[in-house]
C-alpha atoms as a PDB file:
ATOM      1  CA  MET A   1     -25.349  -7.794   0.281  1.00  0.00           C
ATOM      2  CA  SER A   2     -23.653 -10.959  -0.906  1.00  0.00           C
ATOM      3  CA  VAL A   3     -20.532 -10.729  -3.032  1.00  0.00           C
ATOM      4  CA  ALA A   4     -19.432 -13.560  -5.298  1.00  0.00           C
ATOM      5  CA  PRO A   5     -16.203 -15.274  -4.302  1.00  0.00           C
ATOM      6  CA  ASP A   6     -13.017 -14.135  -5.967  1.00  0.00           C
ATOM      7  CA  ASP A   7     -11.359 -17.324  -7.188  1.00  0.00           C
ATOM      8  CA  SER A   8      -8.540 -15.423  -8.875  1.00  0.00           C
ATOM      9  CA  MET A   9      -6.636 -14.743  -5.677  1.00  0.00           C
ATOM     10  CA  PRO A  10      -3.669 -17.114  -5.544  1.00  0.00           C
ATOM     11  CA  ALA A  11      -3.331 -19.474  -2.639  1.00  0.00           C
ATOM     12  CA  GLY A  12      -0.215 -18.917  -0.562  1.00  0.00           C
ATOM     13  CA  ARG A  13       1.229 -18.855   2.898  1.00  0.00           C
ATOM     14  CA  LEU A  14      -1.001 -16.004   4.054  1.00  0.00           C
ATOM     15  CA  LEU A  15      -3.329 -16.512   6.993  1.00  0.00           C
ATOM     16  CA  LEU A  16      -7.002 -16.754   6.085  1.00  0.00           C
ATOM     17  CA  SER A  17      -7.667 -13.410   7.794  1.00  0.00           C
ATOM     18  CA  GLU A  18      -4.962 -11.822   5.626  1.00  0.00           C
ATOM     19  CA  ARG A  19      -6.442 -13.271   2.448  1.00  0.00           C
ATOM     20  CA  ILE A  20      -9.865 -11.946   3.413  1.00  0.00           C
ATOM     21  CA  ARG A  21      -8.381  -8.540   4.234  1.00  0.00           C
ATOM     22  CA  ASN A  22      -6.441  -8.383   0.973  1.00  0.00           C
ATOM     23  CA  THR A  23      -9.443  -9.308  -1.164  1.00  0.00           C
ATOM     24  CA  LEU A  24     -11.694  -6.754   0.542  1.00  0.00           C
ATOM     25  CA  THR A  25      -8.915  -4.169   0.314  1.00  0.00           C
ATOM     26  CA  ASP A  26      -8.663  -4.584  -3.453  1.00  0.00           C
ATOM     27  CA  GLU A  27     -12.421  -4.443  -3.889  1.00  0.00           C
ATOM     28  CA  ILE A  28     -12.856  -1.333  -1.749  1.00  0.00           C
ATOM     29  CA  ALA A  29      -9.899   0.559  -3.200  1.00  0.00           C
ATOM     30  CA  SER A  30     -10.980  -0.208  -6.769  1.00  0.00           C
ATOM     31  CA  GLY A  31     -14.572   0.872  -6.106  1.00  0.00           C
ATOM     32  CA  GLN A  32     -16.085  -2.608  -6.510  1.00  0.00           C
ATOM     33  CA  LEU A  33     -17.417  -2.311  -2.968  1.00  0.00           C
ATOM     34  CA  GLU A  34     -18.961   1.142  -2.843  1.00  0.00           C
ATOM     35  CA  PRO A  35     -18.914   3.618   0.061  1.00  0.00           C
ATOM     36  CA  GLY A  36     -21.789   3.067   2.478  1.00  0.00           C
ATOM     37  CA  LEU A  37     -22.130  -0.637   1.672  1.00  0.00           C
ATOM     38  CA  ALA A  38     -22.782  -2.704   4.808  1.00  0.00           C
ATOM     39  CA  LEU A  39     -20.452  -5.654   5.375  1.00  0.00           C
ATOM     40  CA  ASP A  40     -22.118  -8.543   7.158  1.00  0.00           C
ATOM     41  CA  GLU A  41     -19.847 -10.879   9.115  1.00  0.00           C
ATOM     42  CA  GLN A  42     -21.860 -14.002   8.416  1.00  0.00           C
ATOM     43  CA  GLN A  43     -22.142 -13.303   4.692  1.00  0.00           C
ATOM     44  CA  LEU A  44     -18.394 -12.738   4.509  1.00  0.00           C
ATOM     45  CA  ALA A  45     -17.729 -15.922   6.475  1.00  0.00           C
ATOM     46  CA  THR A  46     -19.920 -17.864   4.026  1.00  0.00           C
ATOM     47  CA  ARG A  47     -18.246 -16.256   1.021  1.00  0.00           C
ATOM     48  CA  PHE A  48     -14.749 -17.149   2.173  1.00  0.00           C
ATOM     49  CA  GLY A  49     -15.642 -20.515   3.692  1.00  0.00           C
ATOM     50  CA  ALA A  50     -14.409 -19.338   7.067  1.00  0.00           C
ATOM     51  CA  SER A  51     -15.576 -18.932  10.630  1.00  0.00           C
ATOM     52  CA  ARG A  52     -16.339 -15.467  11.942  1.00  0.00           C
ATOM     53  CA  THR A  53     -12.999 -15.239  13.779  1.00  0.00           C
ATOM     54  CA  PRO A  54     -10.741 -14.546  10.734  1.00  0.00           C
ATOM     55  CA  VAL A  55     -13.467 -12.315   9.284  1.00  0.00           C
ATOM     56  CA  ARG A  56     -13.501 -10.209  12.449  1.00  0.00           C
ATOM     57  CA  GLU A  57      -9.701  -9.964  12.424  1.00  0.00           C
ATOM     58  CA  ALA A  58      -9.747  -8.807   8.800  1.00  0.00           C
ATOM     59  CA  LEU A  59     -12.430  -6.229   9.560  1.00  0.00           C
ATOM     60  CA  ARG A  60     -10.476  -4.924  12.561  1.00  0.00           C
ATOM     61  CA  GLU A  61      -7.467  -4.308  10.337  1.00  0.00           C
ATOM     62  CA  LEU A  62      -9.587  -2.602   7.694  1.00  0.00           C
ATOM     63  CA  ILE A  63     -11.072  -0.326  10.360  1.00  0.00           C
ATOM     64  CA  ALA A  64      -7.553   0.576  11.524  1.00  0.00           C
ATOM     65  CA  SER A  65      -6.588   1.526   7.960  1.00  0.00           C
ATOM     66  CA  GLY A  66      -9.706   3.690   7.587  1.00  0.00           C
ATOM     67  CA  LEU A  67     -11.237   1.670   4.741  1.00  0.00           C
ATOM     68  CA  ILE A  68     -14.297   0.687   6.743  1.00  0.00           C
ATOM     69  CA  GLU A  69     -16.020   2.146   9.799  1.00  0.00           C
ATOM     70  CA  THR A  70     -18.673   1.236  12.328  1.00  0.00           C
ATOM     71  CA  ARG A  71     -21.996   3.051  12.416  1.00  0.00           C
ATOM     72  CA  SER A  72     -24.760   2.774  15.002  1.00  0.00           C
ATOM     73  CA  ARG A  73     -27.662   0.626  13.793  1.00  0.00           C
ATOM     74  CA  ARG A  74     -25.796  -0.120  10.543  1.00  0.00           C
ATOM     75  CA  GLY A  75     -22.810  -2.087  11.771  1.00  0.00           C
ATOM     76  CA  VAL A  76     -19.676  -2.109   9.626  1.00  0.00           C
ATOM     77  CA  ILE A  77     -19.807  -0.155   6.375  1.00  0.00           C
ATOM     78  CA  VAL A  78     -17.364   0.821   3.638  1.00  0.00           C
ATOM     79  CA  ALA A  79     -15.976   4.268   4.454  1.00  0.00           C
ATOM     80  CA  ARG A  80     -16.329   7.180   2.073  1.00  0.00           C
ATOM     81  CA  THR A  81     -12.909   8.335   0.859  1.00  0.00           C
ATOM     82  CA  THR A  82     -12.841  10.664  -2.130  1.00  0.00           C
ATOM     83  CA  PRO A  83     -10.248  10.263  -4.906  1.00  0.00           C
ATOM     84  CA  GLN A  84      -9.016  13.796  -4.138  1.00  0.00           C
ATOM     85  CA  ARG A  85      -8.442  12.821  -0.516  1.00  0.00           C
ATOM     86  CA  VAL A  86      -6.467   9.738  -1.550  1.00  0.00           C
ATOM     87  CA  MET A  87      -4.273  11.782  -3.894  1.00  0.00           C
ATOM     88  CA  GLU A  88      -3.619  14.326  -1.141  1.00  0.00           C
ATOM     89  CA  MET A  89      -2.609  11.481   1.161  1.00  0.00           C
ATOM     90  CA  PHE A  90      -0.181  10.176  -1.465  1.00  0.00           C
ATOM     91  CA  GLU A  91       1.317  13.659  -1.893  1.00  0.00           C
ATOM     92  CA  ALA A  92       1.866  14.013   1.853  1.00  0.00           C
ATOM     93  CA  MET A  93       3.288  10.500   2.082  1.00  0.00           C
ATOM     94  CA  ALA A  94       5.644  11.243  -0.808  1.00  0.00           C
ATOM     95  CA  GLU A  95       7.203  14.096   1.158  1.00  0.00           C
ATOM     96  CA  VAL A  96       7.526  12.014   4.328  1.00  0.00           C
ATOM     97  CA  GLU A  97       9.106   9.134   2.403  1.00  0.00           C
ATOM     98  CA  ALA A  98      11.473  11.528   0.620  1.00  0.00           C
ATOM     99  CA  MET A  99      12.574  12.983   3.965  1.00  0.00           C
ATOM    100  CA  CYS A 100      13.040   9.528   5.474  1.00  0.00           C
ATOM    101  CA  VAL A 101      15.220   8.232   2.661  1.00  0.00           C
ATOM    102  CA  ARG A 102      17.335  11.407   2.636  1.00  0.00           C
ATOM    103  CA  ILE A 103      18.075  11.081   6.358  1.00  0.00           C
ATOM    104  CA  ALA A 104      18.472   7.306   6.168  1.00  0.00           C
ATOM    105  CA  THR A 105      21.061   7.606   3.388  1.00  0.00           C
ATOM    106  CA  TYR A 106      23.466   9.330   5.769  1.00  0.00           C
ATOM    107  CA  ARG A 107      22.597   7.474   8.958  1.00  0.00           C
ATOM    108  CA  MET A 108      22.004   3.859   7.973  1.00  0.00           C
ATOM    109  CA  THR A 109      24.437   1.188   9.062  1.00  0.00           C
ATOM    110  CA  PRO A 110      26.094  -1.300   6.696  1.00  0.00           C
ATOM    111  CA  PHE A 111      23.630  -3.858   8.082  1.00  0.00           C
ATOM    112  CA  ASP A 112      20.683  -1.620   7.152  1.00  0.00           C
ATOM    113  CA  ARG A 113      22.043  -1.195   3.638  1.00  0.00           C
ATOM    114  CA  ALA A 114      22.629  -4.920   3.220  1.00  0.00           C
ATOM    115  CA  ARG A 115      19.093  -5.649   4.389  1.00  0.00           C
ATOM    116  CA  LEU A 116      17.628  -3.301   1.792  1.00  0.00           C
ATOM    117  CA  ILE A 117      19.665  -4.898  -0.956  1.00  0.00           C
ATOM    118  CA  ASP A 118      18.657  -8.398   0.172  1.00  0.00           C
ATOM    119  CA  LEU A 119      14.986  -7.443   0.338  1.00  0.00           C
ATOM    120  CA  HIS A 120      15.112  -5.926  -3.113  1.00  0.00           C
ATOM    121  CA  GLY A 121      16.884  -8.962  -4.560  1.00  0.00           C
ATOM    122  CA  ALA A 122      14.288 -11.311  -3.085  1.00  0.00           C
ATOM    123  CA  SER A 123      11.468  -9.299  -4.653  1.00  0.00           C
ATOM    124  CA  GLU A 124      12.640  -9.998  -8.203  1.00  0.00           C
ATOM    125  CA  ASP A 125      11.032 -13.441  -8.220  1.00  0.00           C
ATOM    126  CA  MET A 126       7.775 -12.007  -6.842  1.00  0.00           C
ATOM    127  CA  VAL A 127       7.656  -9.538  -9.720  1.00  0.00           C
ATOM    128  CA  ALA A 128       8.359 -12.272 -12.265  1.00  0.00           C
ATOM    129  CA  ARG A 129       5.500 -14.380 -10.829  1.00  0.00           C
ATOM    130  CA  GLY A 130       3.139 -11.439 -10.575  1.00  0.00           C
ATOM    131  CA  ASP A 131       2.624 -12.345  -6.910  1.00  0.00           C
ATOM    132  CA  TYR A 132       0.916  -9.174  -5.640  1.00  0.00           C
ATOM    133  CA  ASP A 133       0.369 -10.471  -2.117  1.00  0.00           C
ATOM    134  CA  ALA A 134       4.041 -11.366  -1.640  1.00  0.00           C
ATOM    135  CA  TYR A 135       5.235  -8.135  -3.255  1.00  0.00           C
ATOM    136  CA  ASP A 136       2.885  -6.066  -1.108  1.00  0.00           C
ATOM    137  CA  ALA A 137       4.359  -7.647   2.035  1.00  0.00           C
ATOM    138  CA  PHE A 138       7.884  -7.093   0.711  1.00  0.00           C
ATOM    139  CA  ASN A 139       7.069  -3.484  -0.188  1.00  0.00           C
ATOM    140  CA  ARG A 140       5.930  -2.814   3.354  1.00  0.00           C
ATOM    141  CA  SER A 141       9.158  -4.290   4.776  1.00  0.00           C
ATOM    142  CA  PHE A 142      11.307  -2.355   2.287  1.00  0.00           C
ATOM    143  CA  HIS A 143       9.820   1.033   3.123  1.00  0.00           C
ATOM    144  CA  GLU A 144       9.628   0.410   6.867  1.00  0.00           C
ATOM    145  CA  SER A 145      13.308  -0.586   6.825  1.00  0.00           C
ATOM    146  CA  LEU A 146      14.060   2.830   5.358  1.00  0.00           C
ATOM    147  CA  TYR A 147      12.001   4.558   8.053  1.00  0.00           C
ATOM    148  CA  ARG A 148      13.902   2.764  10.808  1.00  0.00           C
ATOM    149  CA  ALA A 149      17.246   3.451   9.117  1.00  0.00           C
ATOM    150  CA  THR A 150      16.701   7.153   9.875  1.00  0.00           C
ATOM    151  CA  GLN A 151      17.629   6.269  13.487  1.00  0.00           C
ATOM    152  CA  ASN A 152      14.771   8.608  14.459  1.00  0.00           C
ATOM    153  CA  GLU A 153      12.150   6.599  16.305  1.00  0.00           C
ATOM    154  CA  PHE A 154       9.523   9.357  16.290  1.00  0.00           C
ATOM    155  CA  LEU A 155       9.844   9.896  12.545  1.00  0.00           C
ATOM    156  CA  ALA A 156       9.643   6.153  11.912  1.00  0.00           C
ATOM    157  CA  GLU A 157       6.489   5.876  14.048  1.00  0.00           C
ATOM    158  CA  GLN A 158       4.792   8.722  12.185  1.00  0.00           C
ATOM    159  CA  ALA A 159       5.765   7.327   8.784  1.00  0.00           C
ATOM    160  CA  ILE A 160       4.429   3.874   9.684  1.00  0.00           C
ATOM    161  CA  ALA A 161       1.165   5.393  10.934  1.00  0.00           C
ATOM    162  CA  MET A 162       0.725   7.306   7.676  1.00  0.00           C
ATOM    163  CA  ARG A 163       1.573   4.235   5.679  1.00  0.00           C
ATOM    164  CA  LEU A 164      -1.136   2.278   7.487  1.00  0.00           C
ATOM    165  CA  ARG A 165      -3.752   4.785   6.301  1.00  0.00           C
ATOM    166  CA  LEU A 166      -2.546   4.382   2.724  1.00  0.00           C
ATOM    167  CA  SER A 167      -1.764   0.668   2.813  1.00  0.00           C
ATOM    168  CA  ALA A 168      -4.858  -0.412   0.885  1.00  0.00           C
ATOM    169  CA  PHE A 169      -4.220   2.022  -1.932  1.00  0.00           C
ATOM    170  CA  ARG A 170      -0.484   1.315  -2.054  1.00  0.00           C
ATOM    171  CA  ARG A 171      -1.363  -2.349  -2.464  1.00  0.00           C
ATOM    172  CA  THR A 172      -4.012  -1.778  -5.142  1.00  0.00           C
ATOM    173  CA  GLN A 173      -1.891   0.466  -7.366  1.00  0.00           C
ATOM    174  CA  LEU A 174       0.441  -2.470  -7.997  1.00  0.00           C
ATOM    175  CA  ARG A 175      -2.274  -4.067 -10.171  1.00  0.00           C
ATOM    176  CA  GLU A 176      -2.287  -1.257 -12.732  1.00  0.00           C
ATOM    177  CA  GLY A 177      -0.598  -2.325 -15.986  1.00  0.00           C
ATOM    178  CA  ASP A 178       3.116  -3.008 -15.446  1.00  0.00           C
ATOM    179  CA  ARG A 179       3.217  -1.039 -12.212  1.00  0.00           C
ATOM    180  CA  ILE A 180       4.728  -3.894 -10.196  1.00  0.00           C
ATOM    181  CA  HIS A 181       7.693  -3.987 -12.610  1.00  0.00           C
ATOM    182  CA  HIS A 182       8.081  -0.206 -12.517  1.00  0.00           C
ATOM    183  CA  SER A 183       7.967  -0.288  -8.721  1.00  0.00           C
ATOM    184  CA  TYR A 184      10.816  -2.805  -8.700  1.00  0.00           C
ATOM    185  CA  ASP A 185      12.899  -0.623 -11.036  1.00  0.00           C
ATOM    186  CA  GLU A 186      12.200   2.501  -8.967  1.00  0.00           C
ATOM    187  CA  HIS A 187      13.339   0.730  -5.810  1.00  0.00           C
ATOM    188  CA  ALA A 188      16.559  -0.147  -7.626  1.00  0.00           C
ATOM    189  CA  GLY A 189      17.061   3.522  -8.436  1.00  0.00           C
ATOM    190  CA  VAL A 190      16.625   4.502  -4.797  1.00  0.00           C
ATOM    191  CA  ILE A 191      19.100   1.835  -3.660  1.00  0.00           C
ATOM    192  CA  ASP A 192      21.606   3.007  -6.270  1.00  0.00           C
ATOM    193  CA  ALA A 193      21.375   6.594  -4.980  1.00  0.00           C
ATOM    194  CA  ILE A 194      21.842   5.343  -1.399  1.00  0.00           C
ATOM    195  CA  ALA A 195      24.927   3.380  -2.494  1.00  0.00           C
ATOM    196  CA  GLN A 196      26.331   6.624  -3.913  1.00  0.00           C
ATOM    197  CA  CYS A 197      25.621   8.278  -0.527  1.00  0.00           C
ATOM    198  CA  ASP A 198      23.553  10.861  -2.383  1.00  0.00           C
ATOM    199  CA  GLY A 199      20.647  11.596  -0.082  1.00  0.00           C
ATOM    200  CA  GLU A 200      19.188  14.326  -2.293  1.00  0.00           C
ATOM    201  CA  LEU A 201      19.064  12.028  -5.327  1.00  0.00           C
ATOM    202  CA  ALA A 202      17.557   9.219  -3.237  1.00  0.00           C
ATOM    203  CA  SER A 203      14.978  11.689  -1.926  1.00  0.00           C
ATOM    204  CA  ARG A 204      13.971  12.860  -5.412  1.00  0.00           C
ATOM    205  CA  ARG A 205      13.690   9.303  -6.655  1.00  0.00           C
ATOM    206  CA  MET A 206      11.558   8.272  -3.669  1.00  0.00           C
ATOM    207  CA  ARG A 207       9.241  11.241  -4.177  1.00  0.00           C
ATOM    208  CA  ALA A 208       8.851  10.314  -7.850  1.00  0.00           C
ATOM    209  CA  HIS A 209       8.259   6.666  -6.843  1.00  0.00           C
ATOM    210  CA  MET A 210       5.354   7.667  -4.597  1.00  0.00           C
ATOM    211  CA  LEU A 211       3.766  10.051  -7.086  1.00  0.00           C
ATOM    212  CA  ASN A 212       4.082   7.409  -9.809  1.00  0.00           C
ATOM    213  CA  ALA A 213       2.199   5.065  -7.483  1.00  0.00           C
ATOM    214  CA  ALA A 214      -0.536   7.681  -7.049  1.00  0.00           C
ATOM    215  CA  THR A 215      -0.879   8.070 -10.805  1.00  0.00           C
ATOM    216  CA  ALA A 216      -1.073   4.288 -11.259  1.00  0.00           C
ATOM    217  CA  LEU A 217      -3.786   4.078  -8.610  1.00  0.00           C
ATOM    218  CA  GLY A 218      -5.774   6.816 -10.323  1.00  0.00           C
ATOM    219  CA  ARG A 219      -5.660   4.953 -13.616  1.00  0.00           C
ATOM    220  CA  TYR A 220      -6.605   1.658 -11.992  1.00  0.00           C
ATOM    221  CA  MET A 221      -9.569   3.133 -10.125  1.00  0.00           C
ATOM    222  CA  GLU A 222     -10.823   4.945 -13.201  1.00  0.00           C
ATOM    223  CA  ALA A 223     -10.581   1.803 -15.340  1.00  0.00           C
ATOM    224  CA  ARG A 224     -12.397  -0.325 -12.766  1.00  0.00           C
ATOM    225  CA  SER A 225     -15.103   2.084 -11.641  1.00  0.00           C
ATOM    226  CA  GLY A 226     -15.571   4.340 -14.643  1.00  0.00           C
ATOM    227  CA  GLY A 227     -14.981   7.316 -12.343  1.00  0.00           C
ATOM    228  CA  HIS A 228     -12.805  10.335 -12.945  1.00  0.00           C
ATOM    229  CA  VAL A 229     -10.070  10.259 -10.388  1.00  0.00           C
ATOM    230  CA  GLY A 230      -7.454  12.322 -12.190  1.00  0.00           C
ATOM    231  CA  ASP A 231      -3.698  12.053 -12.036  1.00  0.00           C
ATOM    232  CA  ALA A 232      -1.345  12.422  -9.137  1.00  0.00           C
ATOM    233  CA  PRO A 233      -0.927  15.921  -7.696  1.00  0.00           C
ATOM    234  CA  SER A 234       1.073  18.151 -10.014  1.00  0.00           C
ATOM    235  CA  ARG A 235       1.969  20.861  -7.501  1.00  0.00           C
ATOM    236  CA  PRO A 236       5.697  21.664  -7.153  1.00  0.00           C
ATOM    237  CA  PRO A 237       7.518  19.370  -4.710  1.00  0.00           C
ATOM    238  CA  ILE A 238       8.331  20.770  -1.288  1.00  0.00           C
ATOM    239  CA  GLY A 239      11.915  21.484  -0.342  1.00  0.00           C
END
C-alpha cells in the first residue's frame, strides 16, 4: 500500500532514517497506519525519496519499539496494540518514573541538577517554535538524565527499556492541543520539587505528568481515528 508523502514534517538536523522513523511513528500511533498493514521497503523508499538503507534502519528501530513486527510470508507489518494496552503501559511507566525521580532527588549530584536545569531551559525555544522532533529528543534526554541520577544502574536500564516500548506514544501525545506547553510546565514543576529536595512532591508531580500524557494521547488518537480510547487509568496511585 502506498502512502502519500507528509510534507508537513519540518526539515531539520535529523538523519533521514530518523525522519522516516518519526513520520511512521506518528502515523502508526495515531491510527493512520492500521494494525496488520504491510510496510514495503521499496514503497517507503520511493515515498521518502531515499534508498533502502535509511528505510531499513527506521524499520529496525520501529521493530525494537514494538510498533511493527515481522511475519512469515507477509514481511513487516504494523503491530496490533490495543488502546487499553497502551494506557496500561503508561500507568506502569508512571510508577517507574515516579520512583526514579524520588530516588534521584536525594542522590543526584550538583552536576546532575545543573544538567536538568540546562536541558529544561533549552527546551523553551523548542516549545515556542512547536518543534516536536526537537522537543521529543529533549524529552528523552531529560527523563533519561533522571533515571541515571538515581545512581542505580539496574533501575536506569529497566526504565530506559520501558521507555523504548512507549517512545512512539510519548512522542505522539505531544501533538494533542497545547500538550507540548503543558509538558514544559510540568517539567518545571518537577525541577522545582527537586530543588526543594522534596522527593515525594517530585514523585507525585512526575506521576501526574505521565498520566496527563496518557490522557493527551487518548484524546489525540480518538480525534484522529474516530475510535474510543478512553482516558488515562483512574485507579489509585501505588505507594
